[in-house]
PDB file of N, CA and C in Angstrom:
ATOM      1  N   MET A   1     -52.896  12.745  -6.226  1.00  0.00           N
ATOM      2  CA  MET A   1     -52.690  13.014  -7.841  1.00  0.00           C
ATOM      3  C   MET A   1     -54.061  13.058  -8.126  1.00  0.00           C
ATOM      4  N   GLY A   2     -54.718  13.444  -9.327  1.00  0.00           N
ATOM      5  CA  GLY A   2     -55.943  14.131  -9.875  1.00  0.00           C
ATOM      6  C   GLY A   2     -56.406  12.799 -11.466  1.00  0.00           C
ATOM      7  N   THR A   3     -57.319  12.402 -11.175  1.00  0.00           N
ATOM      8  CA  THR A   3     -58.160  11.570 -12.319  1.00  0.00           C
ATOM      9  C   THR A   3     -57.791  12.267 -13.297  1.00  0.00           C
ATOM     10  N   VAL A   4     -57.417  11.548 -14.389  1.00  0.00           N
ATOM     11  CA  VAL A   4     -57.345  11.118 -15.787  1.00  0.00           C
ATOM     12  C   VAL A   4     -58.944  11.918 -16.212  1.00  0.00           C
ATOM     13  N   ARG A   5     -58.921  12.118 -16.563  1.00  0.00           N
ATOM     14  CA  ARG A   5     -60.153  12.652 -17.725  1.00  0.00           C
ATOM     15  C   ARG A   5     -60.252  12.556 -19.448  1.00  0.00           C
ATOM     16  N   THR A   6     -61.279  11.485 -20.394  1.00  0.00           N
ATOM     17  CA  THR A   6     -60.561  11.765 -21.299  1.00  0.00           C
ATOM     18  C   THR A   6     -62.098  12.562 -21.674  1.00  0.00           C
ATOM     19  N   VAL A   7     -61.936  13.657 -22.893  1.00  0.00           N
ATOM     20  CA  VAL A   7     -63.115  14.037 -23.085  1.00  0.00           C
ATOM     21  C   VAL A   7     -62.632  13.170 -24.818  1.00  0.00           C
ATOM     22  N   ARG A   8     -65.014  13.351 -24.938  1.00  0.00           N
ATOM     23  CA  ARG A   8     -65.277  12.401 -25.935  1.00  0.00           C
ATOM     24  C   ARG A   8     -65.408  13.929 -27.672  1.00  0.00           C
ATOM     25  N   THR A   9     -65.258  13.260 -28.649  1.00  0.00           N
ATOM     26  CA  THR A   9     -65.715  14.438 -29.519  1.00  0.00           C
ATOM     27  C   THR A   9     -67.317  14.295 -29.751  1.00  0.00           C
ATOM     28  N   ASP A  10     -68.051  15.392 -30.458  1.00  0.00           N
ATOM     29  CA  ASP A  10     -69.210  14.889 -30.652  1.00  0.00           C
ATOM     30  C   ASP A  10     -69.252  14.187 -31.396  1.00  0.00           C
ATOM     31  N   GLU A  11     -68.902  13.366 -32.576  1.00  0.00           N
ATOM     32  CA  GLU A  11     -68.877  12.250 -33.519  1.00  0.00           C
ATOM     33  C   GLU A  11     -68.152  11.353 -33.273  1.00  0.00           C
ATOM     34  N   PHE A  12     -67.959  10.895 -31.722  1.00  0.00           N
ATOM     35  CA  PHE A  12     -67.792   9.458 -30.695  1.00  0.00           C
ATOM     36  C   PHE A  12     -68.859   9.166 -30.285  1.00  0.00           C
ATOM     37  N   ARG A  13     -69.525  10.329 -29.573  1.00  0.00           N
ATOM     38  CA  ARG A  13     -70.724  10.259 -28.698  1.00  0.00           C
ATOM     39  C   ARG A  13     -72.098   9.658 -29.885  1.00  0.00           C
ATOM     40  N   GLN A  14     -71.670  10.018 -31.228  1.00  0.00           N
ATOM     41  CA  GLN A  14     -72.786  10.036 -31.937  1.00  0.00           C
ATOM     42  C   GLN A  14     -72.708   8.483 -32.620  1.00  0.00           C
ATOM     43  N   ASP A  15     -71.226   7.826 -33.246  1.00  0.00           N
ATOM     44  CA  ASP A  15     -70.785   7.226 -33.161  1.00  0.00           C
ATOM     45  C   ASP A  15     -71.537   6.109 -32.203  1.00  0.00           C
ATOM     46  N   ALA A  16     -71.201   6.105 -30.767  1.00  0.00           N
ATOM     47  CA  ALA A  16     -71.836   5.265 -30.154  1.00  0.00           C
ATOM     48  C   ALA A  16     -73.079   5.202 -29.823  1.00  0.00           C
ATOM     49  N   VAL A  17     -73.996   5.991 -30.249  1.00  0.00           N
ATOM     50  CA  VAL A  17     -74.746   6.376 -29.464  1.00  0.00           C
ATOM     51  C   VAL A  17     -75.520   4.819 -31.077  1.00  0.00           C
ATOM     52  N   ARG A  18     -75.095   5.183 -32.433  1.00  0.00           N
ATOM     53  CA  ARG A  18     -75.651   4.642 -33.446  1.00  0.00           C
ATOM     54  C   ARG A  18     -75.346   2.964 -33.225  1.00  0.00           C
ATOM     55  N   ILE A  19     -74.011   3.027 -32.953  1.00  0.00           N
ATOM     56  CA  ILE A  19     -74.166   1.049 -32.699  1.00  0.00           C
ATOM     57  C   ILE A  19     -75.121   1.017 -31.133  1.00  0.00           C
ATOM     58  N   ALA A  20     -74.432   1.427 -29.623  1.00  0.00           N
ATOM     59  CA  ALA A  20     -75.826   0.894 -29.718  1.00  0.00           C
ATOM     60  C   ALA A  20     -77.058   0.809 -29.823  1.00  0.00           C
ATOM     61  N   LEU A  21     -77.774   1.609 -31.107  1.00  0.00           N
ATOM     62  CA  LEU A  21     -79.257   1.698 -31.096  1.00  0.00           C
ATOM     63  C   LEU A  21     -79.146   0.739 -32.471  1.00  0.00           C
ATOM     64  N   THR A  22     -77.631   0.435 -33.391  1.00  0.00           N
ATOM     65  CA  THR A  22     -78.083  -0.487 -34.156  1.00  0.00           C
ATOM     66  C   THR A  22     -77.315  -1.887 -34.530  1.00  0.00           C
ATOM     67  N   SER A  23     -76.648  -1.778 -33.045  1.00  0.00           N
ATOM     68  CA  SER A  23     -75.658  -2.939 -33.357  1.00  0.00           C
ATOM     69  C   SER A  23     -76.436  -4.276 -32.916  1.00  0.00           C
ATOM     70  N   GLY A  24     -77.495  -4.273 -32.375  1.00  0.00           N
ATOM     71  CA  GLY A  24     -77.952  -5.291 -31.485  1.00  0.00           C
ATOM     72  C   GLY A  24     -76.834  -5.899 -30.222  1.00  0.00           C
ATOM     73  N   LEU A  25     -75.760  -5.528 -30.272  1.00  0.00           N
ATOM     74  CA  LEU A  25     -75.249  -5.773 -28.915  1.00  0.00           C
ATOM     75  C   LEU A  25     -75.625  -4.769 -27.722  1.00  0.00           C
ATOM     76  N   SER A  26     -75.601  -5.651 -27.263  1.00  0.00           N
ATOM     77  CA  SER A  26     -76.416  -5.036 -25.229  1.00  0.00           C
ATOM     78  C   SER A  26     -75.127  -3.273 -25.347  1.00  0.00           C
ATOM     79  N   ARG A  27     -76.214  -2.469 -24.308  1.00  0.00           N
ATOM     80  CA  ARG A  27     -74.939  -1.964 -23.978  1.00  0.00           C
ATOM     81  C   ARG A  27     -74.252  -1.632 -23.236  1.00  0.00           C
ATOM     82  N   ARG A  28     -74.270  -2.704 -22.541  1.00  0.00           N
ATOM     83  CA  ARG A  28     -73.145  -2.721 -21.803  1.00  0.00           C
ATOM     84  C   ARG A  28     -72.136  -3.884 -22.578  1.00  0.00           C
ATOM     85  N   GLN A  29     -72.351  -3.900 -23.568  1.00  0.00           N
ATOM     86  CA  GLN A  29     -71.182  -5.215 -24.370  1.00  0.00           C
ATOM     87  C   GLN A  29     -70.329  -3.559 -25.485  1.00  0.00           C
ATOM     88  N   VAL A  30     -71.744  -2.732 -25.495  1.00  0.00           N
ATOM     89  CA  VAL A  30     -70.938  -1.819 -26.361  1.00  0.00           C
ATOM     90  C   VAL A  30     -69.575  -0.274 -25.919  1.00  0.00           C
ATOM     91  N   ALA A  31     -70.778  -0.156 -24.301  1.00  0.00           N
ATOM     92  CA  ALA A  31     -69.673   0.546 -23.624  1.00  0.00           C
ATOM     93  C   ALA A  31     -68.849   0.351 -23.172  1.00  0.00           C
ATOM     94  N   GLU A  32     -68.592  -1.723 -23.520  1.00  0.00           N
ATOM     95  CA  GLU A  32     -67.528  -2.227 -22.757  1.00  0.00           C
ATOM     96  C   GLU A  32     -66.081  -2.106 -24.181  1.00  0.00           C
ATOM     97  N   ASP A  33     -66.893  -2.310 -24.953  1.00  0.00           N
ATOM     98  CA  ASP A  33     -65.877  -2.401 -26.323  1.00  0.00           C
ATOM     99  C   ASP A  33     -65.222  -0.932 -26.801  1.00  0.00           C
ATOM    100  N   LEU A  34     -66.138   0.313 -26.355  1.00  0.00           N
ATOM    101  CA  LEU A  34     -65.747   1.637 -26.847  1.00  0.00           C
ATOM    102  C   LEU A  34     -64.685   2.229 -25.754  1.00  0.00           C
ATOM    103  N   GLY A  35     -64.976   1.384 -24.462  1.00  0.00           N
ATOM    104  CA  GLY A  35     -64.474   1.584 -22.967  1.00  0.00           C
ATOM    105  C   GLY A  35     -64.734   3.566 -22.796  1.00  0.00           C
ATOM    106  N   VAL A  36     -66.007   3.302 -22.039  1.00  0.00           N
ATOM    107  CA  VAL A  36     -66.859   4.272 -22.028  1.00  0.00           C
ATOM    108  C   VAL A  36     -67.799   3.556 -19.909  1.00  0.00           C
ATOM    109  N   GLY A  37     -68.283   4.353 -19.714  1.00  0.00           N
ATOM    110  CA  GLY A  37     -69.307   3.364 -18.300  1.00  0.00           C
ATOM    111  C   GLY A  37     -70.638   3.482 -19.563  1.00  0.00           C
ATOM    112  N   LEU A  38     -71.254   2.467 -18.992  1.00  0.00           N
ATOM    113  CA  LEU A  38     -71.994   2.512 -18.666  1.00  0.00           C
ATOM    114  C   LEU A  38     -73.102   3.444 -18.894  1.00  0.00           C
ATOM    115  N   SER A  39     -73.730   3.985 -17.852  1.00  0.00           N
ATOM    116  CA  SER A  39     -74.442   5.300 -17.193  1.00  0.00           C
ATOM    117  C   SER A  39     -74.021   6.272 -18.507  1.00  0.00           C
ATOM    118  N   ARG A  40     -72.800   6.428 -18.704  1.00  0.00           N
ATOM    119  CA  ARG A  40     -72.274   7.919 -19.488  1.00  0.00           C
ATOM    120  C   ARG A  40     -73.265   7.227 -20.939  1.00  0.00           C
ATOM    121  N   LEU A  41     -73.035   5.698 -21.689  1.00  0.00           N
ATOM    122  CA  LEU A  41     -73.536   6.004 -22.912  1.00  0.00           C
ATOM    123  C   LEU A  41     -75.356   5.794 -22.649  1.00  0.00           C
ATOM    124  N   SER A  42     -75.744   5.414 -22.007  1.00  0.00           N
ATOM    125  CA  SER A  42     -76.687   5.717 -21.248  1.00  0.00           C
ATOM    126  C   SER A  42     -77.570   7.549 -21.720  1.00  0.00           C
ATOM    127  N   ARG A  43     -76.907   8.287 -21.027  1.00  0.00           N
ATOM    128  CA  ARG A  43     -77.286   9.583 -21.115  1.00  0.00           C
ATOM    129  C   ARG A  43     -76.779  10.037 -22.118  1.00  0.00           C
ATOM    130  N   TRP A  44     -76.044   9.025 -23.318  1.00  0.00           N
ATOM    131  CA  TRP A  44     -75.499   9.890 -24.730  1.00  0.00           C
ATOM    132  C   TRP A  44     -76.970   9.675 -25.517  1.00  0.00           C
ATOM    133  N   THR A  45     -77.366   8.844 -25.375  1.00  0.00           N
ATOM    134  CA  THR A  45     -78.875   7.658 -25.873  1.00  0.00           C
ATOM    135  C   THR A  45     -79.763   8.873 -25.600  1.00  0.00           C
ATOM    136  N   VAL A  46     -79.822   8.955 -24.059  1.00  0.00           N
ATOM    137  CA  VAL A  46     -81.218   9.900 -23.596  1.00  0.00           C
ATOM    138  C   VAL A  46     -80.721  11.131 -24.032  1.00  0.00           C
ATOM    139  N   THR A  47     -79.830  11.699 -24.117  1.00  0.00           N
ATOM    140  CA  THR A  47     -79.764  12.808 -25.225  1.00  0.00           C
ATOM    141  C   THR A  47     -79.967  12.996 -26.599  1.00  0.00           C
ATOM    142  N   TYR A  48     -79.363  11.727 -27.411  1.00  0.00           N
ATOM    143  CA  TYR A  48     -79.600  11.685 -28.306  1.00  0.00           C
ATOM    144  C   TYR A  48     -81.638  11.771 -29.072  1.00  0.00           C
ATOM    145  N   ARG A  49     -81.774  10.906 -28.048  1.00  0.00           N
ATOM    146  CA  ARG A  49     -82.717  10.808 -28.831  1.00  0.00           C
ATOM    147  C   ARG A  49     -83.921  12.191 -28.462  1.00  0.00           C
ATOM    148  N   GLU A  50     -84.107  12.674 -27.413  1.00  0.00           N
ATOM    149  CA  GLU A  50     -84.089  14.134 -26.694  1.00  0.00           C
ATOM    150  C   GLU A  50     -83.925  15.053 -28.146  1.00  0.00           C
ATOM    151  N   SER A  51     -82.696  15.380 -28.749  1.00  0.00           N
ATOM    152  CA  SER A  51     -82.452  15.841 -29.144  1.00  0.00           C
ATOM    153  C   SER A  51     -83.442  15.880 -31.001  1.00  0.00           C
ATOM    154  N   GLU A  52     -82.733  14.191 -31.312  1.00  0.00           N
ATOM    155  CA  GLU A  52     -84.115  14.373 -32.254  1.00  0.00           C
ATOM    156  C   GLU A  52     -85.842  14.352 -32.143  1.00  0.00           C
ATOM    157  N   VAL A  53     -86.592  14.564 -31.002  1.00  0.00           N
ATOM    158  CA  VAL A  53     -87.314  15.137 -30.744  1.00  0.00           C
ATOM    159  C   VAL A  53     -87.528  15.802 -31.116  1.00  0.00           C
ATOM    160  N   GLY A  54     -86.793  16.943 -30.236  1.00  0.00           N
ATOM    161  CA  GLY A  54     -86.633  18.760 -30.965  1.00  0.00           C
ATOM    162  C   GLY A  54     -86.583  18.690 -31.869  1.00  0.00           C
ATOM    163  N   ASP A  55     -85.702  18.125 -33.128  1.00  0.00           N
ATOM    164  CA  ASP A  55     -85.893  18.285 -34.895  1.00  0.00           C
ATOM    165  C   ASP A  55     -87.168  17.930 -35.040  1.00  0.00           C
ATOM    166  N   LEU A  56     -87.908  17.086 -34.448  1.00  0.00           N
ATOM    167  CA  LEU A  56     -89.185  16.755 -35.277  1.00  0.00           C
ATOM    168  C   LEU A  56     -89.985  17.705 -35.233  1.00  0.00           C
ATOM    169  N   GLU A  57     -89.970  18.305 -33.651  1.00  0.00           N
ATOM    170  CA  GLU A  57     -91.245  19.119 -33.382  1.00  0.00           C
ATOM    171  C   GLU A  57     -91.023  20.256 -33.984  1.00  0.00           C
ATOM    172  N   GLN A  58     -89.393  20.735 -34.827  1.00  0.00           N
ATOM    173  CA  GLN A  58     -88.835  22.752 -35.248  1.00  0.00           C
ATOM    174  C   GLN A  58     -89.426  22.478 -36.768  1.00  0.00           C
ATOM    175  N   ARG A  59     -89.883  21.084 -37.484  1.00  0.00           N
ATOM    176  CA  ARG A  59     -89.751  20.735 -38.714  1.00  0.00           C
ATOM    177  C   ARG A  59     -91.410  21.298 -38.995  1.00  0.00           C
TER     178      ARG A  59
END
Protein backbone atom coordinates (compact mmCIF):
# COMPACT_ATOMS: atom_id res chain seq x y z
CA MET A 1 0.00 0.00 0.00
CA GLY A 2 1.16 3.51 -0.77
CA THR A 3 1.30 6.52 1.45
CA VAL A 4 -1.65 8.92 1.33
CA ARG A 5 -0.50 12.39 0.32
CA THR A 6 -2.53 15.45 1.29
CA VAL A 7 -2.27 18.40 -1.06
CA ARG A 8 -2.56 21.75 0.69
CA THR A 9 -3.92 24.80 -1.13
CA ASP A 10 -1.92 28.00 -1.49
CA GLU A 11 -4.45 29.67 0.80
CA PHE A 12 -3.88 27.04 3.50
CA ARG A 13 -0.11 27.47 3.24
CA GLN A 14 -0.37 31.27 3.44
CA ASP A 15 -2.66 31.06 6.46
CA ALA A 16 -0.33 28.59 8.15
CA VAL A 17 2.65 30.91 7.63
CA ARG A 18 0.67 33.91 8.87
CA ILE A 19 -0.32 32.01 12.01
CA ALA A 20 3.24 30.82 12.56
CA LEU A 21 4.64 34.34 12.24
CA THR A 22 2.02 36.26 14.22
CA SER A 23 0.36 33.99 16.78
CA GLY A 24 3.12 33.92 19.38
CA LEU A 25 2.94 30.12 19.38
CA SER A 26 5.96 28.00 18.60
CA ARG A 27 6.24 26.69 15.06
CA ARG A 28 6.11 23.20 16.48
CA GLN A 29 2.75 23.96 18.13
CA VAL A 30 1.33 25.60 15.00
CA ALA A 31 2.43 22.66 12.85
CA GLU A 32 0.89 20.21 15.30
CA ASP A 33 -2.36 22.18 15.53
CA LEU A 34 -2.66 22.31 11.73
CA GLY A 35 -1.67 18.69 11.18
CA VAL A 36 1.45 19.39 9.13
CA GLY A 37 5.08 18.53 9.73
CA LEU A 38 7.37 21.06 11.36
CA SER A 39 9.84 20.89 8.47
CA ARG A 40 7.06 21.48 5.95
CA LEU A 41 5.82 24.56 7.83
CA SER A 42 9.40 25.82 8.03
CA ARG A 43 9.83 25.39 4.26
CA TRP A 44 6.60 27.29 3.61
CA THR A 45 7.83 30.09 5.86
CA VAL A 46 11.17 30.34 4.04
CA THR A 47 9.40 30.33 0.67
CA TYR A 48 7.02 33.05 1.86
CA ARG A 49 9.87 35.23 3.10
CA GLU A 50 11.80 34.76 -0.16
CA SER A 51 8.74 35.73 -2.20
CA GLU A 52 8.20 38.83 -0.03
CA VAL A 53 11.79 39.93 -0.66
CA GLY A 54 11.31 39.35 -4.38
CA ASP A 55 8.14 41.44 -4.34
CA LEU A 56 9.94 44.30 -2.61
CA GLU A 57 12.82 44.19 -5.10
CA GLN A 58 10.39 44.47 -8.03
CA ARG A 59 8.84 47.70 -6.64
